[in-house]
Amino acid sequence: MSLDFYLQLYARTHGIDPTIAFYTQAIVNASSIPGRIAPHIAIKKFGVWNALIIFGFSSAALIFALFGVHTVAGVLVFSILWGFFSGGLLTLMAATAASTVKDPGETGMRMGLAFAIGNIGSLTGPPINGALLGSEYHWFKTIIFSGTAMVAGSAIYIWNRYFVYRRDMAV
């Protein structure tokens, strides 16, 4: 998600101290560590697809929450939560791709295909958000685009979960 590329700029253009804005990326990366571990607890309770859906919609909600983030505390809390949920989302994508295999020999192919398709957004999101942001920093455009893309991706997770569960029930 291209939000990582623009979080420092977002903080700076909203009057946050440049030193604090500089560390937002480090905070995101540090908080993604527990975010990559915690989903495995959620998998045991909710299942791998349901956990992915929860983390996906939570990430989308956080993107839309940026409309209300204008203080140092807000930026720091947002950075921590964004790191946690986006890190968990990345981990869960690998787990869900691996959960779809019937034969262990197809694990690499399924994961490679899932990441190849999923990373189209990672490749195209930052330039699109940069174009939407423009030189006048219209943040509402980037927030709406990114949030909508994350909601659409999470809706696709629901659709995939339906077909995977239906396939598994047919066997």
Protein backbone atom coordinates (compact mmCIF):
# COMPACT_ATOMS: atom_id res chain seq x y z
CA MET A 1 0.00 0.00 0.00
CA SER A 2 1.40 3.34 -0.99
CA LEU A 3 0.51 4.98 2.31
CA ASP A 4 3.97 4.10 3.62
CA PHE A 5 5.51 6.32 0.93
CA TYR A 6 3.52 9.39 1.90
CA LEU A 7 3.13 9.20 5.68
CA GLN A 8 6.14 11.43 6.38
CA LEU A 9 4.95 14.00 3.85
CA TYR A 10 1.44 13.84 5.31
CA ALA A 11 2.81 14.56 8.77
CA ARG A 12 5.00 17.43 7.54
CA THR A 13 2.20 19.11 5.57
CA HIS A 14 -0.05 18.93 8.62
CA GLY A 15 2.37 20.87 10.80
CA ILE A 16 4.03 17.97 12.60
CA ASP A 17 7.61 18.55 13.79
CA PRO A 18 10.02 17.37 11.04
CA THR A 19 11.94 15.19 13.50
CA ILE A 20 8.80 13.31 14.51
CA ALA A 21 7.65 13.09 10.90
CA PHE A 22 11.03 11.59 9.99
CA TYR A 23 10.53 8.74 12.47
CA THR A 24 7.04 7.77 11.33
CA GLN A 25 8.42 5.21 8.89
CA ALA A 26 10.58 3.65 11.60
CA ILE A 27 7.54 3.48 13.88
CA VAL A 28 5.51 1.80 11.14
CA ASN A 29 8.26 -0.76 10.56
CA ALA A 30 8.75 -1.46 14.28
CA SER A 31 5.03 -1.91 14.94
CA SER A 32 4.72 -4.26 11.97
CA ILE A 33 6.80 -6.82 13.87
CA PRO A 34 4.05 -7.67 16.39
CA GLY A 35 1.61 -7.15 13.53
CA ARG A 36 3.23 -10.03 11.67
CA ILE A 37 3.09 -12.29 14.72
CA ALA A 38 -0.38 -11.54 16.16
CA PRO A 39 -2.40 -12.69 13.14
CA HIS A 40 -1.45 -16.27 13.85
CA ILE A 41 -3.38 -15.99 17.11
CA ALA A 42 -6.33 -14.62 15.14
CA ILE A 43 -6.05 -17.51 12.67
CA LYS A 44 -6.59 -20.02 15.45
CA LYS A 45 -9.69 -18.18 16.66
CA PHE A 46 -11.29 -16.95 13.42
CA GLY A 47 -9.71 -18.95 10.61
CA VAL A 48 -7.19 -17.74 8.07
CA TRP A 49 -9.64 -16.12 5.63
CA ASN A 50 -11.69 -14.41 8.33
CA ALA A 51 -8.53 -13.03 9.94
CA LEU A 52 -7.41 -11.70 6.54
CA ILE A 53 -10.77 -10.00 6.08
CA ILE A 54 -10.61 -8.46 9.56
CA PHE A 55 -7.10 -7.11 8.98
CA GLY A 56 -8.02 -5.88 5.50
CA PHE A 57 -11.06 -3.91 6.58
CA SER A 58 -9.18 -2.62 9.65
CA SER A 59 -6.47 -1.29 7.35
CA ALA A 60 -9.11 0.34 5.16
CA ALA A 61 -10.71 1.98 8.20
CA LEU A 62 -7.32 3.32 9.26
CA ILE A 63 -6.78 4.89 5.86
CA PHE A 64 -10.11 6.70 6.12
CA ALA A 65 -9.22 7.67 9.70
CA LEU A 66 -6.45 9.84 8.27
CA PHE A 67 -9.10 12.49 7.69
CA GLY A 68 -9.02 13.11 11.44
CA VAL A 69 -5.26 12.83 12.04
CA HIS A 70 -3.71 16.28 12.49
CA THR A 71 -1.74 16.15 15.75
CA VAL A 72 1.53 14.60 16.86
CA ALA A 73 -0.32 12.07 19.03
CA GLY A 74 -2.65 11.22 16.15
CA VAL A 75 0.23 10.66 13.73
CA LEU A 76 2.10 8.48 16.23
CA VAL A 77 -0.98 6.38 17.08
CA PHE A 78 -1.82 6.08 13.40
CA SER A 79 1.75 4.98 12.58
CA ILE A 80 1.64 2.27 15.24
CA LEU A 81 -1.77 0.98 14.19
CA TRP A 82 -0.97 1.17 10.49
CA GLY A 83 2.25 -0.79 10.98
CA PHE A 84 0.46 -3.42 13.04
CA PHE A 85 -2.46 -3.99 10.66
CA SER A 86 -0.58 -3.63 7.37
CA GLY A 87 2.15 -5.99 8.64
CA GLY A 88 -0.52 -8.48 9.67
CA LEU A 89 -2.22 -8.14 6.33
CA LEU A 90 0.99 -8.99 4.51
CA THR A 91 1.57 -12.05 6.67
CA LEU A 92 -2.00 -13.25 6.28
CA MET A 93 -1.86 -12.98 2.50
CA ALA A 94 0.88 -15.59 2.45
CA ALA A 95 -1.02 -17.82 4.89
CA THR A 96 -4.24 -17.66 2.87
CA ALA A 97 -2.44 -18.43 -0.38
CA ALA A 98 -0.81 -21.44 1.24
CA SER A 99 -4.14 -22.56 2.70
CA THR A 100 -5.67 -23.00 -0.76
CA VAL A 101 -3.37 -25.81 -1.85
CA LYS A 102 -4.50 -29.40 -2.06
CA ASP A 103 -1.10 -30.79 -3.05
CA PRO A 104 2.03 -29.42 -1.30
CA GLY A 105 3.78 -29.29 -4.65
CA GLU A 106 1.62 -26.40 -5.79
CA THR A 107 2.34 -24.15 -2.78
CA GLY A 108 5.04 -22.12 -4.55
CA MET A 109 2.91 -21.61 -7.64
CA ARG A 110 -0.12 -20.47 -5.64
CA MET A 111 1.88 -18.10 -3.46
CA GLY A 112 3.77 -16.70 -6.44
CA LEU A 113 0.57 -16.10 -8.37
CA ALA A 114 -1.17 -14.54 -5.36
CA PHE A 115 1.70 -12.14 -4.71
CA ALA A 116 2.11 -11.32 -8.41
CA ILE A 117 -1.54 -10.30 -8.66
CA GLY A 118 -1.64 -8.66 -5.24
CA ASN A 119 1.47 -6.59 -5.81
CA ILE A 120 0.02 -4.85 -8.85
CA GLY A 121 -1.48 -2.43 -6.34
CA SER A 122 1.88 -1.99 -4.62
CA LEU A 123 3.45 -1.17 -7.95
CA THR A 124 0.76 1.19 -9.24
CA GLY A 125 -0.52 2.71 -5.97
CA PRO A 126 2.34 5.11 -5.17
CA PRO A 127 2.47 6.79 -8.61
CA ILE A 128 -1.32 7.07 -8.75
CA ASN A 129 -1.41 8.58 -5.26
CA GLY A 130 1.43 10.93 -6.22
CA ALA A 131 -0.52 12.11 -9.26
CA LEU A 132 -3.69 12.54 -7.19
CA LEU A 133 -1.78 14.39 -4.49
CA GLY A 134 -0.32 16.88 -6.93
CA SER A 135 1.85 19.84 -6.02
CA GLU A 136 -0.89 21.36 -3.86
CA TYR A 137 -1.19 18.29 -1.60
CA HIS A 138 -4.86 17.39 -2.00
CA TRP A 139 -4.82 14.66 0.64
CA PHE A 140 -8.53 13.88 0.37
CA LYS A 141 -7.98 12.44 -3.12
CA THR A 142 -5.24 10.08 -2.01
CA ILE A 143 -7.11 9.02 1.13
CA ILE A 144 -10.29 8.28 -0.81
CA PHE A 145 -8.41 6.40 -3.55
CA SER A 146 -6.32 4.33 -1.13
CA GLY A 147 -9.20 3.62 1.23
CA THR A 148 -11.50 2.62 -1.60
CA ALA A 149 -8.83 0.34 -3.08
CA MET A 150 -8.33 -1.30 0.31
CA VAL A 151 -12.08 -1.81 0.76
CA ALA A 152 -12.29 -3.31 -2.73
CA GLY A 153 -9.38 -5.64 -1.97
CA SER A 154 -10.98 -6.72 1.29
CA ALA A 155 -14.25 -7.37 -0.53
CA ILE A 156 -12.33 -9.60 -2.92
CA TYR A 157 -11.05 -11.51 0.12
CA ILE A 158 -14.68 -12.20 1.08
CA TRP A 159 -15.41 -13.40 -2.43
CA ASN A 160 -12.32 -15.66 -2.40
CA ARG A 161 -13.23 -17.04 1.02
CA TYR A 162 -16.66 -17.97 -0.28
CA PHE A 163 -15.23 -19.95 -3.22
CA VAL A 164 -12.50 -21.63 -1.16
CA TYR A 165 -14.98 -22.74 1.51
CA ARG A 166 -17.44 -23.89 -1.14
CA ARG A 167 -14.70 -25.91 -2.84
CA ASP A 168 -13.63 -27.45 0.46
CA MET A 169 -17.22 -28.40 1.34
CA ALA A 170 -17.70 -30.08 -2.03
CA VAL A 171 -14.84 -32.49 -1.40
